[in-house]
């Protein structure tokens, strides 16, 4: 499990570091990343920590520790893996747990006009979304965009490009900030990968990825080799890509079937999508569209790096 702690930093920077280390050592937390606190402002900070047992072992839900070992491997470090994480989520009415903007006990019009839409009959909760974006910018998170999603009441924000484990640190803290803002607004935040059954899009966490060799000349061939390796370990990745993902990866609603691995250029129905610019330029990045919205970013990002850089089939 990870912990995000609030620290009053009215004392000097050096003193803060000392006090934090003593506090978290006593409570079996280890500080890993620091962000400005957008709620209290001033010199206050948010600290991302990971948790350990009294014996010094990472607790079972602490996935950061294993990820850090992969990202510190010399072969991974030299490749400078970049990530762009697309976090989709759904805003729910608090008392009925039904998407924001939907009539209670009923349904809105079919999907079509909501994606990146504007207007009171298309975009529900934009005040929350904008507040979250501004708070992330203030905190120092590398947030790069927001947009309304295909299902009404569903939104997305993007973190990155960020290098290595910092992408996951930033996404976790961005999730925490969003949870705090929805709390203030009296709205429930859901990361369920398929919050509404039927002919509605699910919620994913598309993971964009590249290495230094992929970004250099001739990188497209490296990308194709990496995708081939991901295909060979498809079942292992799916098992780690989020709970309830089988409800989302049906082969419909811009997904590939959970049991099928396929990739393509500009194919939103593929497991792995390669952009047209990447194909045209012969270098760049690709997008793993399989992760669910509730995935653990430490697991997903480190697994992609391990499979594509370190694993030898």
C-alpha atoms as a PDB file:
ATOM      1  CA  UNK A   1       0.000   0.000   0.000  1.00  0.00           C
ATOM      2  CA  UNK A   2       1.143   3.523  -0.656  1.00  0.00           C
ATOM      3  CA  UNK A   3       0.497   6.484   1.600  1.00  0.00           C
ATOM      4  CA  UNK A   4       0.179  10.155   0.772  1.00  0.00           C
ATOM      5  CA  UNK A   5       0.988  12.266   3.805  1.00  0.00           C
ATOM      6  CA  UNK A   6       0.438  15.948   4.457  1.00  0.00           C
ATOM      7  CA  UNK A   7       3.410  17.780   5.929  1.00  0.00           C
ATOM      8  CA  UNK A   8       3.459  21.274   7.391  1.00  0.00           C
ATOM      9  CA  UNK A   9       6.658  22.743   6.054  1.00  0.00           C
ATOM     10  CA  UNK A  10       6.789  26.031   7.909  1.00  0.00           C
ATOM     11  CA  UNK A  11      10.234  24.935   9.074  1.00  0.00           C
ATOM     12  CA  UNK A  12      13.325  24.922   6.879  1.00  0.00           C
ATOM     13  CA  UNK A  13      13.773  22.459   4.040  1.00  0.00           C
ATOM     14  CA  UNK A  14      16.588  20.561   5.744  1.00  0.00           C
ATOM     15  CA  UNK A  15      14.586  20.249   8.946  1.00  0.00           C
ATOM     16  CA  UNK A  16      11.579  18.946   6.985  1.00  0.00           C
ATOM     17  CA  UNK A  17      13.611  16.148   5.450  1.00  0.00           C
ATOM     18  CA  UNK A  18      14.928  15.077   8.857  1.00  0.00           C
ATOM     19  CA  UNK A  19      11.526  15.174  10.559  1.00  0.00           C
ATOM     20  CA  UNK A  20       9.848  13.316   7.708  1.00  0.00           C
ATOM     21  CA  UNK A  21      12.413  10.530   7.707  1.00  0.00           C
ATOM     22  CA  UNK A  22      12.074   9.984  11.459  1.00  0.00           C
ATOM     23  CA  UNK A  23       8.274  10.049  11.301  1.00  0.00           C
ATOM     24  CA  UNK A  24       7.986   7.603   8.409  1.00  0.00           C
ATOM     25  CA  UNK A  25      10.687   5.302   9.707  1.00  0.00           C
ATOM     26  CA  UNK A  26       8.705   5.012  12.934  1.00  0.00           C
ATOM     27  CA  UNK A  27       5.437   4.421  11.080  1.00  0.00           C
ATOM     28  CA  UNK A  28       7.074   2.069   8.541  1.00  0.00           C
ATOM     29  CA  UNK A  29       6.626   4.457   5.636  1.00  0.00           C
ATOM     30  CA  UNK A  30       9.388   5.542   3.290  1.00  0.00           C
ATOM     31  CA  UNK A  31       9.037   8.927   1.505  1.00  0.00           C
ATOM     32  CA  UNK A  32       9.608   8.675  -2.246  1.00  0.00           C
ATOM     33  CA  UNK A  33       8.276  11.791  -4.002  1.00  0.00           C
ATOM     34  CA  UNK A  34       7.268  15.288  -2.918  1.00  0.00           C
ATOM     35  CA  UNK A  35       4.616  17.580  -4.419  1.00  0.00           C
ATOM     36  CA  UNK A  36       3.229  20.994  -3.480  1.00  0.00           C
ATOM     37  CA  UNK A  37      -0.043  20.768  -1.575  1.00  0.00           C
ATOM     38  CA  UNK A  38      -2.767  22.429  -3.708  1.00  0.00           C
ATOM     39  CA  UNK A  39      -5.297  22.349  -0.855  1.00  0.00           C
ATOM     40  CA  UNK A  40      -3.411  24.128   1.927  1.00  0.00           C
ATOM     41  CA  UNK A  41      -1.019  26.087  -0.293  1.00  0.00           C
ATOM     42  CA  UNK A  42       1.941  27.978   1.086  1.00  0.00           C
ATOM     43  CA  UNK A  43       4.951  25.841   1.934  1.00  0.00           C
ATOM     44  CA  UNK A  44       2.879  22.728   2.598  1.00  0.00           C
ATOM     45  CA  UNK A  45       3.639  19.545   0.702  1.00  0.00           C
ATOM     46  CA  UNK A  46       2.226  16.150  -0.228  1.00  0.00           C
ATOM     47  CA  UNK A  47       4.627  13.231   0.195  1.00  0.00           C
ATOM     48  CA  UNK A  48       4.209   9.925  -1.624  1.00  0.00           C
ATOM     49  CA  UNK A  49       5.433   7.070   0.567  1.00  0.00           C
ATOM     50  CA  UNK A  50       5.604   3.306   0.257  1.00  0.00           C
ATOM     51  CA  UNK A  51       4.924   0.988   3.189  1.00  0.00           C
ATOM     52  CA  UNK A  52       6.894  -1.807   4.864  1.00  0.00           C
ATOM     53  CA  UNK A  53       6.355  -4.437   7.553  1.00  0.00           C
ATOM     54  CA  UNK A  54       8.055  -4.106  10.956  1.00  0.00           C
ATOM     55  CA  UNK A  55      10.694  -6.457   9.561  1.00  0.00           C
ATOM     56  CA  UNK A  56      11.488  -4.060   6.755  1.00  0.00           C
ATOM     57  CA  UNK A  57       9.815  -6.032   3.961  1.00  0.00           C
ATOM     58  CA  UNK A  58       7.434  -4.312   1.504  1.00  0.00           C
ATOM     59  CA  UNK A  59       3.832  -5.097   2.395  1.00  0.00           C
ATOM     60  CA  UNK A  60       1.960  -7.130  -0.274  1.00  0.00           C
ATOM     61  CA  UNK A  61       0.191  -4.102  -1.757  1.00  0.00           C
ATOM     62  CA  UNK A  62       3.400  -2.080  -2.013  1.00  0.00           C
ATOM     63  CA  UNK A  63       4.070  -2.496  -5.728  1.00  0.00           C
ATOM     64  CA  UNK A  64       6.449   0.464  -5.916  1.00  0.00           C
ATOM     65  CA  UNK A  65       9.338  -1.423  -4.333  1.00  0.00           C
ATOM     66  CA  UNK A  66       9.452  -4.101  -7.062  1.00  0.00           C
ATOM     67  CA  UNK A  67       8.944  -1.470  -9.765  1.00  0.00           C
ATOM     68  CA  UNK A  68      11.884   0.560  -8.453  1.00  0.00           C
ATOM     69  CA  UNK A  69      14.167  -2.463  -8.841  1.00  0.00           C
ATOM     70  CA  UNK A  70      13.210  -2.810 -12.498  1.00  0.00           C
ATOM     71  CA  UNK A  71      13.568   0.901 -13.235  1.00  0.00           C
ATOM     72  CA  UNK A  72      16.980   1.003 -11.554  1.00  0.00           C
ATOM     73  CA  UNK A  73      18.331  -1.865 -13.677  1.00  0.00           C
ATOM     74  CA  UNK A  74      21.215  -0.510 -15.804  1.00  0.00           C
ATOM     75  CA  UNK A  75      19.673  -1.788 -19.043  1.00  0.00           C
ATOM     76  CA  UNK A  76      16.437   0.056 -18.258  1.00  0.00           C
ATOM     77  CA  UNK A  77      18.145   3.224 -17.067  1.00  0.00           C
ATOM     78  CA  UNK A  78      20.120   3.571 -20.294  1.00  0.00           C
ATOM     79  CA  UNK A  79      16.903   3.259 -22.339  1.00  0.00           C
ATOM     80  CA  UNK A  80      15.192   6.168 -20.504  1.00  0.00           C
ATOM     81  CA  UNK A  81      11.643   4.782 -20.770  1.00  0.00           C
ATOM     82  CA  UNK A  82       9.018   7.483 -21.276  1.00  0.00           C
ATOM     83  CA  UNK A  83       5.371   7.038 -20.313  1.00  0.00           C
ATOM     84  CA  UNK A  84       2.205   8.925 -21.093  1.00  0.00           C
ATOM     85  CA  UNK A  85      -0.676   7.626 -18.950  1.00  0.00           C
ATOM     86  CA  UNK A  86      -4.293   8.267 -19.944  1.00  0.00           C
ATOM     87  CA  UNK A  87      -6.452   7.972 -16.837  1.00  0.00           C
ATOM     88  CA  UNK A  88     -10.155   7.569 -17.538  1.00  0.00           C
ATOM     89  CA  UNK A  89     -12.684   7.816 -14.705  1.00  0.00           C
ATOM     90  CA  UNK A  90     -16.414   8.220 -14.090  1.00  0.00           C
ATOM     91  CA  UNK A  91     -18.181  10.776 -11.904  1.00  0.00           C
ATOM     92  CA  UNK A  92     -21.173   9.373 -10.022  1.00  0.00           C
ATOM     93  CA  UNK A  93     -24.074  11.037  -8.220  1.00  0.00           C
ATOM     94  CA  UNK A  94     -23.414  10.423  -4.531  1.00  0.00           C
ATOM     95  CA  UNK A  95     -26.776   9.127  -3.324  1.00  0.00           C
ATOM     96  CA  UNK A  96     -27.697   6.908  -6.270  1.00  0.00           C
ATOM     97  CA  UNK A  97     -24.247   5.903  -7.631  1.00  0.00           C
ATOM     98  CA  UNK A  98     -25.437   6.730 -11.159  1.00  0.00           C
ATOM     99  CA  UNK A  99     -23.266   8.734 -13.603  1.00  0.00           C
ATOM    100  CA  UNK A 100     -23.305  12.495 -13.220  1.00  0.00           C
ATOM    101  CA  UNK A 101     -25.745  14.124 -15.655  1.00  0.00           C
ATOM    102  CA  UNK A 102     -27.771  10.943 -16.183  1.00  0.00           C
ATOM    103  CA  UNK A 103     -31.474  11.004 -15.268  1.00  0.00           C
ATOM    104  CA  UNK A 104     -32.013   9.009 -12.089  1.00  0.00           C
ATOM    105  CA  UNK A 105     -33.273   5.557 -13.049  1.00  0.00           C
ATOM    106  CA  UNK A 106     -32.912   6.371 -16.743  1.00  0.00           C
ATOM    107  CA  UNK A 107     -30.403   6.831 -19.524  1.00  0.00           C
ATOM    108  CA  UNK A 108     -29.136   9.753 -21.596  1.00  0.00           C
ATOM    109  CA  UNK A 109     -29.052   9.789 -25.373  1.00  0.00           C
ATOM    110  CA  UNK A 110     -26.730   7.292 -27.065  1.00  0.00           C
ATOM    111  CA  UNK A 111     -22.975   7.824 -27.275  1.00  0.00           C
ATOM    112  CA  UNK A 112     -21.729  10.135 -29.983  1.00  0.00           C
ATOM    113  CA  UNK A 113     -21.846  13.796 -28.997  1.00  0.00           C
ATOM    114  CA  UNK A 114     -20.151  13.493 -25.598  1.00  0.00           C
ATOM    115  CA  UNK A 115     -16.523  12.780 -26.515  1.00  0.00           C
ATOM    116  CA  UNK A 116     -14.599  16.058 -26.123  1.00  0.00           C
ATOM    117  CA  UNK A 117     -18.042  17.673 -26.084  1.00  0.00           C
ATOM    118  CA  UNK A 118     -19.174  21.012 -24.725  1.00  0.00           C
ATOM    119  CA  UNK A 119     -22.531  22.185 -23.477  1.00  0.00           C
ATOM    120  CA  UNK A 120     -24.770  21.562 -20.491  1.00  0.00           C
ATOM    121  CA  UNK A 121     -26.402  18.586 -22.223  1.00  0.00           C
ATOM    122  CA  UNK A 122     -23.084  16.921 -23.116  1.00  0.00           C
ATOM    123  CA  UNK A 123     -20.406  17.720 -20.533  1.00  0.00           C
ATOM    124  CA  UNK A 124     -21.214  16.907 -16.903  1.00  0.00           C
ATOM    125  CA  UNK A 125     -18.768  17.877 -14.170  1.00  0.00           C
ATOM    126  CA  UNK A 126     -16.384  20.162 -16.045  1.00  0.00           C
ATOM    127  CA  UNK A 127     -15.929  22.349 -12.947  1.00  0.00           C
ATOM    128  CA  UNK A 128     -14.483  19.321 -11.145  1.00  0.00           C
ATOM    129  CA  UNK A 129     -12.282  18.417 -14.085  1.00  0.00           C
ATOM    130  CA  UNK A 130     -10.875  21.937 -14.467  1.00  0.00           C
ATOM    131  CA  UNK A 131     -10.247  22.247 -10.729  1.00  0.00           C
ATOM    132  CA  UNK A 132      -8.349  18.973 -10.798  1.00  0.00           C
ATOM    133  CA  UNK A 133      -6.229  20.055 -13.753  1.00  0.00           C
ATOM    134  CA  UNK A 134      -5.278  23.324 -12.053  1.00  0.00           C
ATOM    135  CA  UNK A 135      -4.515  21.547  -8.774  1.00  0.00           C
ATOM    136  CA  UNK A 136      -2.226  19.073 -10.544  1.00  0.00           C
ATOM    137  CA  UNK A 137      -0.360  21.912 -12.254  1.00  0.00           C
ATOM    138  CA  UNK A 138       0.087  23.633  -8.907  1.00  0.00           C
ATOM    139  CA  UNK A 139       1.340  20.409  -7.320  1.00  0.00           C
ATOM    140  CA  UNK A 140       4.023  20.042  -9.981  1.00  0.00           C
ATOM    141  CA  UNK A 141       2.514  16.967 -11.614  1.00  0.00           C
ATOM    142  CA  UNK A 142       3.323  16.652 -15.297  1.00  0.00           C
ATOM    143  CA  UNK A 143      -0.348  16.689 -16.303  1.00  0.00           C
ATOM    144  CA  UNK A 144      -0.646  17.215 -20.042  1.00  0.00           C
ATOM    145  CA  UNK A 145      -4.344  17.330 -20.827  1.00  0.00           C
ATOM    146  CA  UNK A 146      -8.002  16.610 -20.038  1.00  0.00           C
ATOM    147  CA  UNK A 147     -10.980  15.645 -22.152  1.00  0.00           C
ATOM    148  CA  UNK A 148     -14.559  14.474 -21.931  1.00  0.00           C
ATOM    149  CA  UNK A 149     -14.871  10.772 -22.747  1.00  0.00           C
ATOM    150  CA  UNK A 150     -17.269   8.772 -24.928  1.00  0.00           C
ATOM    151  CA  UNK A 151     -19.696   7.860 -22.149  1.00  0.00           C
ATOM    152  CA  UNK A 152     -21.422  10.888 -20.598  1.00  0.00           C
ATOM    153  CA  UNK A 153     -20.201  11.562 -17.064  1.00  0.00           C
ATOM    154  CA  UNK A 154     -16.833  10.023 -17.927  1.00  0.00           C
ATOM    155  CA  UNK A 155     -13.612  12.012 -18.231  1.00  0.00           C
ATOM    156  CA  UNK A 156      -9.901  11.552 -18.775  1.00  0.00           C
ATOM    157  CA  UNK A 157      -6.690  13.253 -17.736  1.00  0.00           C
ATOM    158  CA  UNK A 158      -3.206  12.529 -19.012  1.00  0.00           C
ATOM    159  CA  UNK A 159       0.086  12.410 -17.117  1.00  0.00           C
ATOM    160  CA  UNK A 160       3.374  12.594 -18.980  1.00  0.00           C
ATOM    161  CA  UNK A 161       5.545  12.206 -20.801  1.00  0.00           C
ATOM    162  CA  UNK A 162       7.400  11.255 -17.621  1.00  0.00           C
ATOM    163  CA  UNK A 163      10.497   9.130 -17.192  1.00  0.00           C
ATOM    164  CA  UNK A 164      10.426   5.766 -15.447  1.00  0.00           C
ATOM    165  CA  UNK A 165       8.859   5.405 -12.031  1.00  0.00           C
ATOM    166  CA  UNK A 166       8.059   9.129 -11.766  1.00  0.00           C
ATOM    167  CA  UNK A 167       5.103   8.587 -14.120  1.00  0.00           C
ATOM    168  CA  UNK A 168       3.487   6.251 -11.580  1.00  0.00           C
ATOM    169  CA  UNK A 169       4.256   8.542  -8.640  1.00  0.00           C
ATOM    170  CA  UNK A 170       2.581  11.400 -10.474  1.00  0.00           C
ATOM    171  CA  UNK A 171      -0.463   9.371 -11.467  1.00  0.00           C
ATOM    172  CA  UNK A 172      -1.067   8.115  -7.942  1.00  0.00           C
ATOM    173  CA  UNK A 173      -0.880  11.620  -6.495  1.00  0.00           C
ATOM    174  CA  UNK A 174      -3.099  12.946  -9.308  1.00  0.00           C
ATOM    175  CA  UNK A 175      -5.662  10.290  -8.393  1.00  0.00           C
ATOM    176  CA  UNK A 176      -5.484  11.344  -4.755  1.00  0.00           C
ATOM    177  CA  UNK A 177      -5.999  14.997  -5.654  1.00  0.00           C
ATOM    178  CA  UNK A 178      -8.996  14.064  -7.810  1.00  0.00           C
ATOM    179  CA  UNK A 179     -10.480  12.062  -4.938  1.00  0.00           C
ATOM    180  CA  UNK A 180     -10.142  15.091  -2.678  1.00  0.00           C
ATOM    181  CA  UNK A 181     -11.768  17.427  -5.199  1.00  0.00           C
ATOM    182  CA  UNK A 182     -14.712  15.109  -5.861  1.00  0.00           C
ATOM    183  CA  UNK A 183     -15.132  14.841  -2.078  1.00  0.00           C
ATOM    184  CA  UNK A 184     -15.440  18.621  -1.857  1.00  0.00           C
ATOM    185  CA  UNK A 185     -17.923  18.623  -4.744  1.00  0.00           C
ATOM    186  CA  UNK A 186     -20.056  15.880  -3.190  1.00  0.00           C
ATOM    187  CA  UNK A 187     -19.514  13.562  -6.160  1.00  0.00           C
ATOM    188  CA  UNK A 188     -18.303   9.963  -6.098  1.00  0.00           C
ATOM    189  CA  UNK A 189     -15.197   9.067  -8.126  1.00  0.00           C
ATOM    190  CA  UNK A 190     -15.154   5.663  -9.829  1.00  0.00           C
ATOM    191  CA  UNK A 191     -12.236   3.888 -11.497  1.00  0.00           C
ATOM    192  CA  UNK A 192     -14.381   0.855 -12.348  1.00  0.00           C
ATOM    193  CA  UNK A 193     -13.415  -0.355 -15.853  1.00  0.00           C
ATOM    194  CA  UNK A 194     -17.062  -0.909 -16.825  1.00  0.00           C
ATOM    195  CA  UNK A 195     -19.273   1.174 -14.523  1.00  0.00           C
ATOM    196  CA  UNK A 196     -22.388   0.801 -16.685  1.00  0.00           C
ATOM    197  CA  UNK A 197     -23.164  -2.438 -18.481  1.00  0.00           C
ATOM    198  CA  UNK A 198     -24.596  -2.405 -21.980  1.00  0.00           C
ATOM    199  CA  UNK A 199     -23.777  -0.296 -25.013  1.00  0.00           C
ATOM    200  CA  UNK A 200     -21.493   2.122 -23.165  1.00  0.00           C
ATOM    201  CA  UNK A 201     -17.744   2.538 -23.302  1.00  0.00           C
ATOM    202  CA  UNK A 202     -15.694   1.266 -20.386  1.00  0.00           C
ATOM    203  CA  UNK A 203     -12.871   3.112 -18.659  1.00  0.00           C
ATOM    204  CA  UNK A 204      -9.223   2.351 -19.350  1.00  0.00           C
ATOM    205  CA  UNK A 205      -5.749   3.620 -18.605  1.00  0.00           C
ATOM    206  CA  UNK A 206      -4.065   3.555 -21.995  1.00  0.00           C
ATOM    207  CA  UNK A 207      -0.315   3.505 -21.493  1.00  0.00           C
ATOM    208  CA  UNK A 208       1.889   5.227 -24.076  1.00  0.00           C
ATOM    209  CA  UNK A 209       5.487   4.058 -24.047  1.00  0.00           C
ATOM    210  CA  UNK A 210       8.835   4.537 -25.742  1.00  0.00           C
ATOM    211  CA  UNK A 211      12.508   3.899 -25.110  1.00  0.00           C
ATOM    212  CA  UNK A 212      15.520   5.838 -26.318  1.00  0.00           C
ATOM    213  CA  UNK A 213      16.164   3.357 -29.138  1.00  0.00           C
ATOM    214  CA  UNK A 214      12.516   3.564 -30.194  1.00  0.00           C
ATOM    215  CA  UNK A 215      12.771   7.349 -30.372  1.00  0.00           C
ATOM    216  CA  UNK A 216      15.957   7.258 -32.449  1.00  0.00           C
ATOM    217  CA  UNK A 217      16.376   6.528 -36.159  1.00  0.00           C
ATOM    218  CA  UNK A 218      15.359   2.968 -36.964  1.00  0.00           C
ATOM    219  CA  UNK A 219      13.186   2.870 -33.861  1.00  0.00           C
ATOM    220  CA  UNK A 220      10.169   1.442 -35.663  1.00  0.00           C
ATOM    221  CA  UNK A 221      11.889  -1.934 -35.962  1.00  0.00           C
ATOM    222  CA  UNK A 222      12.605  -1.855 -32.226  1.00  0.00           C
ATOM    223  CA  UNK A 223       8.950  -1.044 -31.607  1.00  0.00           C
ATOM    224  CA  UNK A 224       7.795  -4.037 -33.656  1.00  0.00           C
ATOM    225  CA  UNK A 225      10.138  -6.343 -31.747  1.00  0.00           C
ATOM    226  CA  UNK A 226       8.849  -4.968 -28.443  1.00  0.00           C
ATOM    227  CA  UNK A 227       5.232  -5.516 -29.521  1.00  0.00           C
ATOM    228  CA  UNK A 228       6.068  -9.088 -30.506  1.00  0.00           C
ATOM    229  CA  UNK A 229       7.416  -9.716 -26.989  1.00  0.00           C
ATOM    230  CA  UNK A 230       4.308  -8.174 -25.435  1.00  0.00           C
ATOM    231  CA  UNK A 231       2.199 -10.553 -27.516  1.00  0.00           C
ATOM    232  CA  UNK A 232       4.118 -13.548 -26.210  1.00  0.00           C
ATOM    233  CA  UNK A 233       3.317 -12.513 -22.639  1.00  0.00           C
ATOM    234  CA  UNK A 234      -0.244 -11.351 -23.297  1.00  0.00           C
ATOM    235  CA  UNK A 235      -1.847 -13.525 -20.601  1.00  0.00           C
ATOM    236  CA  UNK A 236       0.630 -12.419 -17.942  1.00  0.00           C
ATOM    237  CA  UNK A 237       0.035  -8.760 -18.738  1.00  0.00           C
ATOM    238  CA  UNK A 238      -3.747  -9.098 -18.821  1.00  0.00           C
ATOM    239  CA  UNK A 239      -3.669 -10.772 -15.398  1.00  0.00           C
ATOM    240  CA  UNK A 240      -1.868  -7.708 -14.003  1.00  0.00           C
ATOM    241  CA  UNK A 241      -3.727  -4.977 -15.883  1.00  0.00           C
ATOM    242  CA  UNK A 242      -6.644  -4.362 -13.513  1.00  0.00           C
ATOM    243  CA  UNK A 243      -9.514  -6.078 -11.723  1.00  0.00           C
ATOM    244  CA  UNK A 244     -12.725  -6.511 -13.705  1.00  0.00           C
ATOM    245  CA  UNK A 245     -10.996  -5.793 -17.007  1.00  0.00           C
ATOM    246  CA  UNK A 246     -12.808  -8.724 -18.630  1.00  0.00           C
ATOM    247  CA  UNK A 247     -16.015  -6.670 -18.428  1.00  0.00           C
ATOM    248  CA  UNK A 248     -14.348  -3.964 -20.504  1.00  0.00           C
ATOM    249  CA  UNK A 249     -12.188  -5.869 -23.027  1.00  0.00           C
ATOM    250  CA  UNK A 250     -14.986  -7.423 -25.056  1.00  0.00           C
ATOM    251  CA  UNK A 251     -13.835  -6.569 -28.571  1.00  0.00           C
ATOM    252  CA  UNK A 252     -16.400  -3.775 -28.707  1.00  0.00           C
ATOM    253  CA  UNK A 253     -16.354  -0.123 -27.642  1.00  0.00           C
ATOM    254  CA  UNK A 254     -12.831   0.548 -28.904  1.00  0.00           C
ATOM    255  CA  UNK A 255     -11.216  -2.504 -27.322  1.00  0.00           C
ATOM    256  CA  UNK A 256      -9.691  -5.779 -28.430  1.00  0.00           C
ATOM    257  CA  UNK A 257     -11.084  -9.006 -27.015  1.00  0.00           C
ATOM    258  CA  UNK A 258      -9.322  -9.908 -23.779  1.00  0.00           C
ATOM    259  CA  UNK A 259      -8.203 -13.286 -25.170  1.00  0.00           C
ATOM    260  CA  UNK A 260      -6.867 -11.869 -28.422  1.00  0.00           C
ATOM    261  CA  UNK A 261      -3.625  -9.972 -28.931  1.00  0.00           C
ATOM    262  CA  UNK A 262      -3.332  -7.824 -32.032  1.00  0.00           C
ATOM    263  CA  UNK A 263      -1.685  -4.578 -32.984  1.00  0.00           C
ATOM    264  CA  UNK A 264      -2.136  -2.093 -35.778  1.00  0.00           C
ATOM    265  CA  UNK A 265      -1.473   1.427 -36.988  1.00  0.00           C
ATOM    266  CA  UNK A 266      -4.209   3.880 -35.912  1.00  0.00           C
ATOM    267  CA  UNK A 267      -6.371   0.933 -34.814  1.00  0.00           C
ATOM    268  CA  UNK A 268      -8.454   1.788 -31.745  1.00  0.00           C
ATOM    269  CA  UNK A 269      -9.716  -1.792 -31.603  1.00  0.00           C
ATOM    270  CA  UNK A 270      -6.243  -3.269 -31.164  1.00  0.00           C
ATOM    271  CA  UNK A 271      -4.377  -4.359 -28.053  1.00  0.00           C
ATOM    272  CA  UNK A 272      -1.450  -2.174 -29.100  1.00  0.00           C
ATOM    273  CA  UNK A 273      -1.946   0.887 -31.277  1.00  0.00           C
ATOM    274  CA  UNK A 274       0.878   2.519 -33.212  1.00  0.00           C
ATOM    275  CA  UNK A 275       0.358   6.106 -34.308  1.00  0.00           C
ATOM    276  CA  UNK A 276       0.438   7.157 -37.939  1.00  0.00           C
ATOM    277  CA  UNK A 277       3.284   9.578 -37.202  1.00  0.00           C
ATOM    278  CA  UNK A 278       5.360   6.783 -35.698  1.00  0.00           C
ATOM    279  CA  UNK A 279       4.925   4.658 -38.803  1.00  0.00           C
ATOM    280  CA  UNK A 280       5.620   7.641 -41.071  1.00  0.00           C
ATOM    281  CA  UNK A 281       8.703   8.829 -39.154  1.00  0.00           C
ATOM    282  CA  UNK A 282      10.080   5.339 -38.586  1.00  0.00           C
ATOM    283  CA  UNK A 283      10.443   6.015 -34.858  1.00  0.00           C
ATOM    284  CA  UNK A 284       8.425   7.123 -31.851  1.00  0.00           C
ATOM    285  CA  UNK A 285       6.151   5.364 -29.376  1.00  0.00           C
ATOM    286  CA  UNK A 286       3.219   2.966 -29.083  1.00  0.00           C
ATOM    287  CA  UNK A 287       0.097   2.728 -26.940  1.00  0.00           C
ATOM    288  CA  UNK A 288      -0.877  -0.280 -24.839  1.00  0.00           C
ATOM    289  CA  UNK A 289      -4.675  -0.042 -24.764  1.00  0.00           C
ATOM    290  CA  UNK A 290      -5.230  -3.050 -22.497  1.00  0.00           C
ATOM    291  CA  UNK A 291      -4.791  -1.605 -18.955  1.00  0.00           C
ATOM    292  CA  UNK A 292      -8.008  -0.921 -17.030  1.00  0.00           C
ATOM    293  CA  UNK A 293      -8.747   2.382 -15.329  1.00  0.00           C
ATOM    294  CA  UNK A 294      -8.142   0.790 -11.908  1.00  0.00           C
ATOM    295  CA  UNK A 295      -4.718  -0.624 -12.807  1.00  0.00           C
ATOM    296  CA  UNK A 296      -1.723  -0.091 -10.536  1.00  0.00           C
ATOM    297  CA  UNK A 297       0.619   2.109 -12.593  1.00  0.00           C
ATOM    298  CA  UNK A 298       3.697   0.755 -10.809  1.00  0.00           C
ATOM    299  CA  UNK A 299       2.766  -2.748 -11.972  1.00  0.00           C
ATOM    300  CA  UNK A 300       1.867  -1.787 -15.539  1.00  0.00           C
ATOM    301  CA  UNK A 301       4.765   0.550 -16.317  1.00  0.00           C
ATOM    302  CA  UNK A 302       7.432  -1.688 -14.804  1.00  0.00           C
ATOM    303  CA  UNK A 303       5.992  -4.788 -16.464  1.00  0.00           C
ATOM    304  CA  UNK A 304       6.096  -3.141 -19.876  1.00  0.00           C
ATOM    305  CA  UNK A 305       9.718  -2.120 -19.301  1.00  0.00           C
ATOM    306  CA  UNK A 306      10.680  -5.560 -18.008  1.00  0.00           C
ATOM    307  CA  UNK A 307       9.051  -7.368 -20.941  1.00  0.00           C
ATOM    308  CA  UNK A 308      10.357  -5.092 -23.684  1.00  0.00           C
ATOM    309  CA  UNK A 309      13.852  -4.385 -22.343  1.00  0.00           C
ATOM    310  CA  UNK A 310      14.940  -7.117 -19.944  1.00  0.00           C
ATOM    311  CA  UNK A 311      12.979 -10.245 -20.915  1.00  0.00           C
ATOM    312  CA  UNK A 312      14.680 -12.662 -23.288  1.00  0.00           C
ATOM    313  CA  UNK A 313      12.111 -15.019 -24.861  1.00  0.00           C
END
